[in-house]
Amino acid sequence: YYSNYQEGNSIFEDKLYLNCLTGIEVYDILSDGSLELSYTKFFNNPIFNFKIYENGLIYINFHNTQKSESIPAVYEIVGNNIIEKYTPQVNGNIGSPYIHLLGDKALYRHNYNWLYVDAINESCQFITDIYGLIIGVFDNKIVDYVFLNDDTFEIRFWKYDDIAEPELLYSYNSSNVSGYDFVYKLDNNHLLINREFNLSVLDISDENNYHFVSEYNLGFSSIIDVQLIE
C-alpha cells in the first residue's frame, strides 16, 4: 500500500518515526547514520498525518476509510512504546490531513474550521469563522489564506495571545496558491515562504513593517516541500 501523505516521518531524540500507513515504525539512528528498526506501533485506522512535539506528544490524524472521515488523537512516547493519551470526542470530519503544532498544543483541520487540542489538559475547542486554510505557524503567529475571487488569494499573518481572538499583522494578495504552500522561520528576522513557483524571503523583524526582501523563481514546477538544515 502507499504512504505518500503530506507528512511521512519525523526525527525525535535520535530516532526516526516513519508513517507506514497502518502504524508508526520506529528506527534507531545509529552512530554511523544507518537505521535499525526498534519497534512498530499498529493502529486500528490508517494514519493521515502526524506531528511529534519535543516533549514526546504525537498528534495524529487517523483516516476512517469506511466513513471517509479523519479522527484526531494524541499519543505519547513512553520508553519504547507509544501509548494513547487523549482522543477528543468530536463529530465526524471531512477527511483532512492538516495538523499544525502550536507549542505543545495543535490545530487540526475539522470540516471547514479548526479544532484546537490541548493534550496536556485533555481539552479541545472549535475555532470557527476566523482562519482560512493555514499554511504555517511560527512563534505565536499563524499564516493562512482565503479565496478572494477567481484568480486571487489573500495571504494573512495573524498574531495571537488568545487563539480565538487573533490580531491581523500583515496581508498580501497572490495569484498563485497551491495545496503545498508553507512557511519556515529562517531566523528571528526572516521567513522562507513558498509561493507556488517561487521561494521568497519575508523580513519579519518589525511587526508593523513586514516586507519581502528576495525571491527565487524556479519557473518550471510547483514546490511541494523543502527541508532546512541548521
Protein backbone atom coordinates (compact mmCIF):
# COMPACT_ATOMS: atom_id res chain seq x y z
CA TYR A 1 0.00 0.00 0.00
CA TYR A 2 1.11 3.60 -0.32
CA SER A 3 2.17 6.07 2.38
CA ASN A 4 2.67 9.26 0.38
CA TYR A 5 0.61 11.50 2.62
CA GLN A 6 1.56 15.10 3.33
CA GLU A 7 3.65 14.03 6.28
CA GLY A 8 5.72 10.88 6.27
CA ASN A 9 8.30 10.93 9.05
CA SER A 10 9.75 12.84 11.99
CA ILE A 11 13.03 12.81 13.92
CA PHE A 12 12.87 12.66 17.72
CA GLU A 13 15.84 12.02 20.01
CA ASP A 14 17.99 10.05 17.52
CA LYS A 15 15.02 8.04 16.33
CA LEU A 16 13.12 8.12 13.05
CA TYR A 17 9.33 7.81 13.28
CA LEU A 18 8.01 6.68 9.90
CA ASN A 19 4.38 6.66 8.78
CA CYS A 20 3.79 3.16 7.44
CA LEU A 21 0.07 3.92 6.94
CA THR A 22 -1.37 1.41 9.41
CA GLY A 23 1.23 2.17 12.05
CA ILE A 24 4.39 4.02 13.00
CA GLU A 25 7.73 2.29 12.53
CA VAL A 26 10.43 3.48 14.94
CA TYR A 27 14.07 3.26 13.86
CA ASP A 28 17.19 3.93 15.93
CA ILE A 29 19.60 6.23 14.10
CA LEU A 30 23.00 4.66 14.77
CA SER A 31 26.31 6.49 15.10
CA ASP A 32 27.29 5.66 11.51
CA GLY A 33 23.99 7.07 10.23
CA SER A 34 22.39 3.71 9.48
CA LEU A 35 18.92 2.75 10.66
CA GLU A 36 17.82 -0.16 12.83
CA LEU A 37 14.14 -0.99 13.33
CA SER A 38 13.33 -0.71 17.04
CA TYR A 39 9.58 -1.39 17.15
CA THR A 40 6.30 -0.78 15.35
CA LYS A 41 3.09 0.61 16.81
CA PHE A 42 0.00 -0.53 14.92
CA PHE A 43 -3.37 1.25 14.94
CA ASN A 44 -6.95 0.37 14.01
CA ASN A 45 -7.11 3.09 11.33
CA PRO A 46 -4.64 4.31 8.70
CA ILE A 47 -2.62 7.42 9.50
CA PHE A 48 -3.38 10.60 7.56
CA ASN A 49 -0.66 12.67 9.23
CA PHE A 50 1.27 13.01 12.49
CA LYS A 51 3.43 15.60 14.25
CA ILE A 52 5.79 14.97 17.19
CA TYR A 53 6.37 17.65 19.82
CA GLU A 54 9.64 17.84 21.75
CA ASN A 55 8.03 16.54 24.98
CA GLY A 56 7.12 13.27 23.25
CA LEU A 57 3.50 14.01 22.38
CA ILE A 58 2.42 12.64 18.99
CA TYR A 59 -0.53 14.44 17.44
CA ILE A 60 -2.08 12.00 14.93
CA ASN A 61 -4.82 12.37 12.35
CA PHE A 62 -6.29 8.98 11.50
CA HIS A 63 -8.35 8.24 8.40
CA ASN A 64 -11.56 6.27 8.79
CA THR A 65 -11.71 4.63 5.36
CA GLN A 66 -15.27 3.35 5.86
CA LYS A 67 -16.70 6.82 6.50
CA SER A 68 -14.04 8.92 4.70
CA GLU A 69 -13.50 10.87 7.91
CA SER A 70 -10.42 11.97 9.78
CA ILE A 71 -10.08 11.28 13.50
CA PRO A 72 -7.85 13.41 15.77
CA ALA A 73 -5.95 11.68 18.58
CA VAL A 74 -2.89 12.27 20.75
CA TYR A 75 -0.39 9.59 21.73
CA GLU A 76 2.71 9.80 23.89
CA ILE A 77 6.18 8.27 23.63
CA VAL A 78 6.84 6.36 26.86
CA GLY A 79 10.11 4.43 26.79
CA ASN A 80 9.98 2.03 23.86
CA ASN A 81 6.26 2.33 23.41
CA ILE A 82 3.61 4.68 22.04
CA ILE A 83 0.50 4.89 24.21
CA GLU A 84 -2.78 6.76 23.82
CA LYS A 85 -3.02 9.95 25.86
CA TYR A 86 -6.11 11.84 24.70
CA THR A 87 -8.76 11.50 21.99
CA PRO A 88 -11.10 14.48 21.54
CA GLN A 89 -14.74 13.43 21.34
CA VAL A 90 -15.91 15.28 18.23
CA ASN A 91 -18.36 14.53 15.45
CA GLY A 92 -17.37 13.23 12.03
CA ASN A 93 -14.93 15.26 9.99
CA ILE A 94 -14.32 15.59 6.26
CA GLY A 95 -11.05 13.79 5.56
CA SER A 96 -8.20 16.27 6.03
CA PRO A 97 -4.52 15.67 6.82
CA TYR A 98 -3.70 19.11 8.25
CA ILE A 99 -2.10 19.38 11.69
CA HIS A 100 -0.20 22.45 12.93
CA LEU A 101 1.77 22.42 16.19
CA LEU A 102 1.48 25.49 18.42
CA GLY A 103 3.96 24.64 21.14
CA ASP A 104 2.62 21.57 22.94
CA LYS A 105 -0.86 22.15 21.51
CA ALA A 106 -2.16 21.60 17.97
CA LEU A 107 -4.66 22.77 15.39
CA TYR A 108 -6.49 20.10 13.36
CA ARG A 109 -8.46 20.95 10.24
CA HIS A 110 -12.06 19.97 11.07
CA ASN A 111 -14.52 20.28 8.21
CA TYR A 112 -14.06 23.95 7.23
CA ASN A 113 -12.93 25.14 10.65
CA TRP A 114 -10.14 24.25 13.08
CA LEU A 115 -10.04 22.15 16.25
CA TYR A 116 -7.62 23.43 18.91
CA VAL A 117 -6.37 20.49 21.00
CA ASP A 118 -4.58 20.78 24.35
CA ALA A 119 -3.40 17.25 25.14
CA ILE A 120 -1.72 18.25 28.42
CA ASN A 121 -5.02 19.43 29.92
CA GLU A 122 -7.05 16.97 27.79
CA SER A 123 -9.30 19.65 26.35
CA CYS A 124 -10.30 20.98 22.94
CA GLN A 125 -12.29 23.82 21.38
CA PHE A 126 -13.52 24.71 17.92
CA ILE A 127 -12.13 27.84 16.26
CA THR A 128 -14.75 28.96 13.74
CA ASP A 129 -15.06 31.77 11.20
CA ILE A 130 -11.54 33.14 11.74
CA TYR A 131 -8.80 31.22 9.94
CA GLY A 132 -8.86 30.07 6.34
CA LEU A 133 -6.51 27.33 5.16
CA ILE A 134 -3.48 27.55 7.45
CA ILE A 135 -0.18 27.06 5.65
CA GLY A 136 2.22 27.55 8.55
CA VAL A 137 2.86 28.68 12.11
CA PHE A 138 5.85 30.27 13.87
CA ASP A 139 6.23 31.63 17.40
CA ASN A 140 2.75 32.93 18.30
CA LYS A 141 1.89 33.65 14.66
CA ILE A 142 -0.37 31.86 12.18
CA VAL A 143 -0.21 32.19 8.39
CA ASP A 144 -3.33 31.36 6.39
CA TYR A 145 -5.00 32.24 3.11
CA VAL A 146 -8.55 32.89 1.95
CA PHE A 147 -10.09 32.92 -1.53
CA LEU A 148 -10.96 36.40 -2.85
CA ASN A 149 -12.12 35.82 -6.44
CA ASP A 150 -11.46 33.65 -9.50
CA ASP A 151 -7.69 34.15 -9.52
CA THR A 152 -6.70 35.95 -6.31
CA PHE A 153 -5.99 34.82 -2.77
CA GLU A 154 -5.23 36.83 0.36
CA ILE A 155 -2.29 35.58 2.45
CA ARG A 156 -2.68 36.69 6.08
CA PHE A 157 -0.34 36.80 9.09
CA TRP A 158 -2.02 36.64 12.49
CA LYS A 159 -0.57 37.24 15.96
CA TYR A 160 -2.40 35.72 18.90
CA ASP A 161 -2.38 35.61 22.67
CA ASP A 162 -5.82 34.02 22.62
CA ILE A 163 -6.08 31.59 19.68
CA ALA A 164 -9.74 32.59 19.16
CA GLU A 165 -9.01 36.35 19.08
CA PRO A 166 -6.00 36.95 16.82
CA GLU A 167 -4.65 40.29 15.60
CA LEU A 168 -4.03 40.71 11.87
CA LEU A 169 -0.42 41.85 11.36
CA TYR A 170 0.06 41.73 7.60
CA SER A 171 -1.55 40.50 4.39
CA TYR A 172 -0.90 40.48 0.66
CA ASN A 173 -2.72 39.29 -2.43
CA SER A 174 -1.38 36.43 -4.50
CA SER A 175 -2.49 34.97 -7.83
CA ASN A 176 -0.77 31.64 -7.11
CA VAL A 177 -1.53 29.40 -4.15
CA SER A 178 -1.22 25.62 -4.07
CA GLY A 179 -2.07 22.95 -1.55
CA TYR A 180 1.63 22.63 -0.72
CA ASP A 181 2.33 26.20 0.41
CA PHE A 182 4.43 26.51 3.55
CA VAL A 183 6.44 28.88 5.70
CA TYR A 184 9.70 28.21 7.58
CA LYS A 185 11.36 30.52 10.07
CA LEU A 186 14.96 31.08 8.95
CA ASP A 187 15.99 33.21 11.96
CA ASN A 188 14.40 35.79 14.25
CA ASN A 189 14.07 38.25 11.38
CA HIS A 190 13.18 36.21 8.29
CA LEU A 191 10.67 33.67 6.94
CA LEU A 192 11.05 31.43 3.92
CA ILE A 193 7.76 31.22 2.01
CA ASN A 194 6.72 29.01 -0.89
CA ARG A 195 4.56 30.87 -3.41
CA GLU A 196 3.97 28.06 -5.93
CA PHE A 197 6.87 28.57 -8.39
CA ASN A 198 8.82 30.87 -6.05
CA LEU A 199 10.82 30.69 -2.85
CA SER A 200 10.62 34.09 -1.18
CA VAL A 201 12.15 35.61 1.96
CA LEU A 202 9.98 37.86 4.11
CA ASP A 203 11.52 40.27 6.63
CA ILE A 204 9.55 39.97 9.92
CA SER A 205 11.90 41.96 12.15
CA ASP A 206 9.28 44.72 12.55
CA GLU A 207 5.69 43.57 13.12
CA ASN A 208 4.48 46.90 11.71
CA ASN A 209 6.52 46.56 8.52
CA TYR A 210 6.61 43.04 7.10
CA HIS A 211 8.15 43.11 3.61
CA PHE A 212 9.71 40.78 1.03
CA VAL A 213 13.48 41.08 0.56
CA SER A 214 14.25 38.40 -2.03
CA GLU A 215 12.67 35.89 -4.37
CA TYR A 216 13.88 32.90 -6.35
CA ASN A 217 11.75 31.72 -9.28
CA LEU A 218 12.09 28.06 -10.29
CA GLY A 219 9.98 28.70 -13.35
CA PHE A 220 9.11 25.09 -14.17
CA SER A 221 7.12 23.37 -11.44
CA SER A 222 5.40 23.80 -8.10
CA ILE A 223 7.46 23.27 -4.93
CA ILE A 224 5.97 20.52 -2.81
CA ASP A 225 8.27 20.91 0.20
CA VAL A 226 11.74 21.89 1.36
CA GLN A 227 13.81 20.83 4.36
CA LEU A 228 16.12 23.24 6.13
CA ILE A 229 19.50 22.15 7.51
CA GLU A 230 20.61 24.16 10.54
